[in-house]
Amino acid sequence: MVRPRSVAVEQVALSALRQVGLGEQLTVLGFNGPQRAAAIGTLIERMTAPGSELATHHWLQQRSALGGCPRTQSTHNM
């Protein structure tokens, strides 16, 4: 059986981060693609399901559709 993962709230959070130009700001600060994706994934998790760093990792890998997709793909247009 396939376990469904959430995606709606993540899309809302990603849209909000795009609106404030976070991706561009991280690039200006010197973040490369994987670092930017990790930072954005962490922020989205904290916005949607606050918890510890370990809980963040678990949420991204087990609960969110963001963890099932290549992170750079999810945040490529930031």
N, C-alpha and C. Protein backbone atom coordinates (compact mmCIF):
# COMPACT_ATOMS: atom_id res chain seq x y z
N MET A 1 0.84 -1.18 0.00
CA MET A 1 0.00 0.00 0.00
C MET A 1 0.89 1.25 0.00
N VAL A 2 0.55 2.19 -0.80
CA VAL A 2 1.30 3.44 -0.87
C VAL A 2 0.74 4.39 0.18
N ARG A 3 1.66 4.97 0.94
CA ARG A 3 1.25 5.93 1.96
C ARG A 3 1.19 7.32 1.35
N PRO A 4 0.03 7.96 1.36
CA PRO A 4 -0.08 9.30 0.78
C PRO A 4 0.74 10.30 1.58
N ARG A 5 1.23 11.30 0.89
CA ARG A 5 2.00 12.35 1.54
C ARG A 5 1.31 13.69 1.31
N SER A 6 1.54 14.61 2.21
CA SER A 6 0.93 15.93 2.08
C SER A 6 1.69 16.76 1.04
N VAL A 7 0.97 17.64 0.38
CA VAL A 7 1.62 18.52 -0.57
C VAL A 7 0.97 19.90 -0.60
N ALA A 8 -0.29 20.01 -0.26
CA ALA A 8 -1.00 21.29 -0.37
C ALA A 8 -0.39 22.38 0.50
N VAL A 9 -0.20 22.09 1.78
CA VAL A 9 0.34 23.11 2.67
C VAL A 9 1.77 23.48 2.29
N GLU A 10 2.53 22.51 1.77
CA GLU A 10 3.89 22.78 1.33
C GLU A 10 3.90 23.74 0.14
N GLN A 11 2.93 23.56 -0.76
CA GLN A 11 2.85 24.46 -1.91
C GLN A 11 2.51 25.88 -1.49
N VAL A 12 1.65 26.03 -0.50
CA VAL A 12 1.31 27.35 0.02
C VAL A 12 2.55 28.00 0.64
N ALA A 13 3.28 27.24 1.43
CA ALA A 13 4.49 27.78 2.07
C ALA A 13 5.54 28.13 1.01
N LEU A 14 5.73 27.27 0.02
CA LEU A 14 6.69 27.53 -1.04
C LEU A 14 6.31 28.78 -1.82
N SER A 15 5.03 28.95 -2.08
CA SER A 15 4.55 30.15 -2.76
C SER A 15 4.85 31.41 -1.95
N ALA A 16 4.62 31.34 -0.64
CA ALA A 16 4.91 32.49 0.23
C ALA A 16 6.40 32.83 0.20
N LEU A 17 7.25 31.81 0.24
CA LEU A 17 8.69 32.05 0.21
C LEU A 17 9.12 32.64 -1.13
N ARG A 18 8.49 32.21 -2.21
CA ARG A 18 8.78 32.78 -3.53
C ARG A 18 8.37 34.25 -3.57
N GLN A 19 7.21 34.56 -2.99
CA GLN A 19 6.71 35.94 -3.02
C GLN A 19 7.66 36.91 -2.32
N VAL A 20 8.33 36.45 -1.28
CA VAL A 20 9.26 37.34 -0.57
C VAL A 20 10.67 37.27 -1.14
N GLY A 21 10.87 36.45 -2.19
CA GLY A 21 12.17 36.38 -2.86
C GLY A 21 13.25 35.67 -2.07
N LEU A 22 12.86 34.68 -1.27
CA LEU A 22 13.84 34.02 -0.42
C LEU A 22 14.92 33.30 -1.23
N GLY A 23 14.53 32.62 -2.30
CA GLY A 23 15.51 31.89 -3.11
C GLY A 23 16.60 32.78 -3.65
N GLU A 24 16.20 33.92 -4.17
CA GLU A 24 17.18 34.87 -4.70
C GLU A 24 18.09 35.40 -3.59
N GLN A 25 17.50 35.66 -2.44
CA GLN A 25 18.28 36.17 -1.31
C GLN A 25 19.31 35.14 -0.85
N LEU A 26 18.92 33.88 -0.82
CA LEU A 26 19.86 32.83 -0.42
C LEU A 26 21.00 32.72 -1.44
N THR A 27 20.67 32.88 -2.72
CA THR A 27 21.71 32.86 -3.76
C THR A 27 22.68 34.01 -3.56
N VAL A 28 22.16 35.19 -3.29
CA VAL A 28 23.01 36.36 -3.03
C VAL A 28 23.93 36.11 -1.84
N LEU A 29 23.42 35.40 -0.85
CA LEU A 29 24.21 35.10 0.35
C LEU A 29 25.23 33.98 0.12
N GLY A 30 25.22 33.39 -1.08
CA GLY A 30 26.23 32.39 -1.41
C GLY A 30 25.80 30.94 -1.27
N PHE A 31 24.51 30.70 -1.05
CA PHE A 31 24.01 29.33 -0.96
C PHE A 31 24.04 28.69 -2.35
N ASN A 32 24.53 27.45 -2.45
CA ASN A 32 24.44 26.73 -3.72
C ASN A 32 23.08 26.03 -3.78
N GLY A 33 22.80 25.33 -4.87
CA GLY A 33 21.50 24.69 -5.06
C GLY A 33 21.09 23.76 -3.94
N PRO A 34 21.93 22.76 -3.58
CA PRO A 34 21.54 21.85 -2.49
C PRO A 34 21.39 22.55 -1.14
N GLN A 35 22.22 23.55 -0.86
CA GLN A 35 22.10 24.28 0.40
C GLN A 35 20.80 25.08 0.42
N ARG A 36 20.49 25.70 -0.71
CA ARG A 36 19.25 26.48 -0.81
C ARG A 36 18.04 25.56 -0.63
N ALA A 37 18.07 24.38 -1.26
CA ALA A 37 16.96 23.43 -1.14
C ALA A 37 16.80 22.95 0.30
N ALA A 38 17.91 22.67 0.97
CA ALA A 38 17.85 22.22 2.36
C ALA A 38 17.29 23.32 3.26
N ALA A 39 17.72 24.55 3.06
CA ALA A 39 17.23 25.67 3.87
C ALA A 39 15.74 25.89 3.65
N ILE A 40 15.32 25.86 2.40
CA ILE A 40 13.91 26.07 2.08
C ILE A 40 13.06 24.92 2.60
N GLY A 41 13.54 23.69 2.46
CA GLY A 41 12.81 22.54 3.00
C GLY A 41 12.64 22.63 4.50
N THR A 42 13.68 23.06 5.18
CA THR A 42 13.61 23.22 6.64
C THR A 42 12.61 24.31 7.01
N LEU A 43 12.65 25.43 6.31
CA LEU A 43 11.70 26.51 6.60
C LEU A 43 10.26 26.08 6.36
N ILE A 44 10.04 25.38 5.25
CA ILE A 44 8.68 24.92 4.96
C ILE A 44 8.20 23.97 6.05
N GLU A 45 9.05 23.05 6.47
CA GLU A 45 8.65 22.13 7.54
C GLU A 45 8.31 22.88 8.80
N ARG A 46 9.15 23.85 9.17
CA ARG A 46 8.91 24.59 10.41
C ARG A 46 7.63 25.42 10.31
N MET A 47 7.28 25.86 9.08
CA MET A 47 6.04 26.61 8.89
C MET A 47 4.81 25.70 9.00
N THR A 48 4.96 24.45 8.58
CA THR A 48 3.80 23.56 8.50
C THR A 48 3.67 22.61 9.67
N ALA A 49 4.79 22.16 10.24
CA ALA A 49 4.76 21.19 11.34
C ALA A 49 5.97 21.42 12.22
N PRO A 50 5.95 22.45 13.05
CA PRO A 50 7.12 22.78 13.86
C PRO A 50 7.60 21.61 14.71
N GLY A 51 8.91 21.48 14.82
CA GLY A 51 9.50 20.41 15.63
C GLY A 51 11.00 20.55 15.68
N SER A 52 11.65 19.53 16.20
CA SER A 52 13.11 19.52 16.31
C SER A 52 13.76 19.29 14.95
N GLU A 53 15.09 19.38 14.91
CA GLU A 53 15.79 19.10 13.66
C GLU A 53 15.56 17.66 13.22
N LEU A 54 15.56 16.74 14.16
CA LEU A 54 15.31 15.35 13.84
C LEU A 54 13.89 15.16 13.32
N ALA A 55 12.94 15.84 13.95
CA ALA A 55 11.55 15.77 13.49
C ALA A 55 11.42 16.37 12.09
N THR A 56 12.18 17.42 11.82
CA THR A 56 12.16 18.05 10.49
C THR A 56 12.62 17.04 9.44
N HIS A 57 13.73 16.38 9.71
CA HIS A 57 14.26 15.39 8.77
C HIS A 57 13.23 14.28 8.55
N HIS A 58 12.66 13.77 9.63
CA HIS A 58 11.67 12.70 9.53
C HIS A 58 10.46 13.17 8.72
N TRP A 59 9.98 14.37 8.99
CA TRP A 59 8.82 14.91 8.29
C TRP A 59 9.10 15.01 6.79
N LEU A 60 10.27 15.55 6.43
CA LEU A 60 10.61 15.69 5.01
C LEU A 60 10.70 14.34 4.31
N GLN A 61 11.23 13.33 5.00
CA GLN A 61 11.42 12.02 4.40
C GLN A 61 10.16 11.15 4.41
N GLN A 62 9.32 11.28 5.45
CA GLN A 62 8.21 10.35 5.63
C GLN A 62 6.83 10.93 5.39
N ARG A 63 6.64 12.21 5.63
CA ARG A 63 5.29 12.77 5.60
C ARG A 63 5.05 13.69 4.42
N SER A 64 6.08 14.43 4.01
CA SER A 64 5.90 15.44 2.98
C SER A 64 6.25 14.92 1.60
N ALA A 65 5.56 15.39 0.62
CA ALA A 65 5.91 15.06 -0.77
C ALA A 65 7.21 15.74 -1.17
N LEU A 66 7.62 16.77 -0.45
CA LEU A 66 8.90 17.42 -0.76
C LEU A 66 10.07 16.48 -0.57
N GLY A 67 9.99 15.59 0.40
CA GLY A 67 11.07 14.64 0.64
C GLY A 67 11.14 13.54 -0.39
N GLY A 68 10.05 13.29 -1.09
CA GLY A 68 10.01 12.25 -2.10
C GLY A 68 10.44 12.73 -3.47
N CYS A 69 10.54 14.02 -3.63
CA CYS A 69 10.95 14.61 -4.90
C CYS A 69 12.37 15.14 -4.75
N PRO A 70 13.10 15.24 -5.83
CA PRO A 70 14.40 15.89 -5.71
C PRO A 70 14.19 17.32 -5.20
N ARG A 71 14.88 17.66 -4.15
CA ARG A 71 14.66 18.97 -3.52
C ARG A 71 14.95 20.12 -4.46
N THR A 72 15.97 19.96 -5.30
CA THR A 72 16.26 21.05 -6.21
C THR A 72 15.12 21.26 -7.19
N GLN A 73 14.36 20.20 -7.52
CA GLN A 73 13.22 20.33 -8.39
C GLN A 73 12.11 21.12 -7.71
N SER A 74 11.90 20.89 -6.43
CA SER A 74 10.85 21.58 -5.68
C SER A 74 11.16 23.06 -5.52
N THR A 75 12.44 23.40 -5.47
CA THR A 75 12.82 24.79 -5.18
C THR A 75 13.55 25.43 -6.36
N HIS A 76 13.55 24.76 -7.52
CA HIS A 76 14.32 25.23 -8.67
C HIS A 76 13.94 26.65 -9.10
N ASN A 77 12.69 26.98 -9.05
CA ASN A 77 12.25 28.29 -9.53
C ASN A 77 12.20 29.35 -8.44
N MET A 78 12.90 29.16 -7.37
CA MET A 78 12.89 30.12 -6.27
C MET A 78 13.77 31.30 -6.59
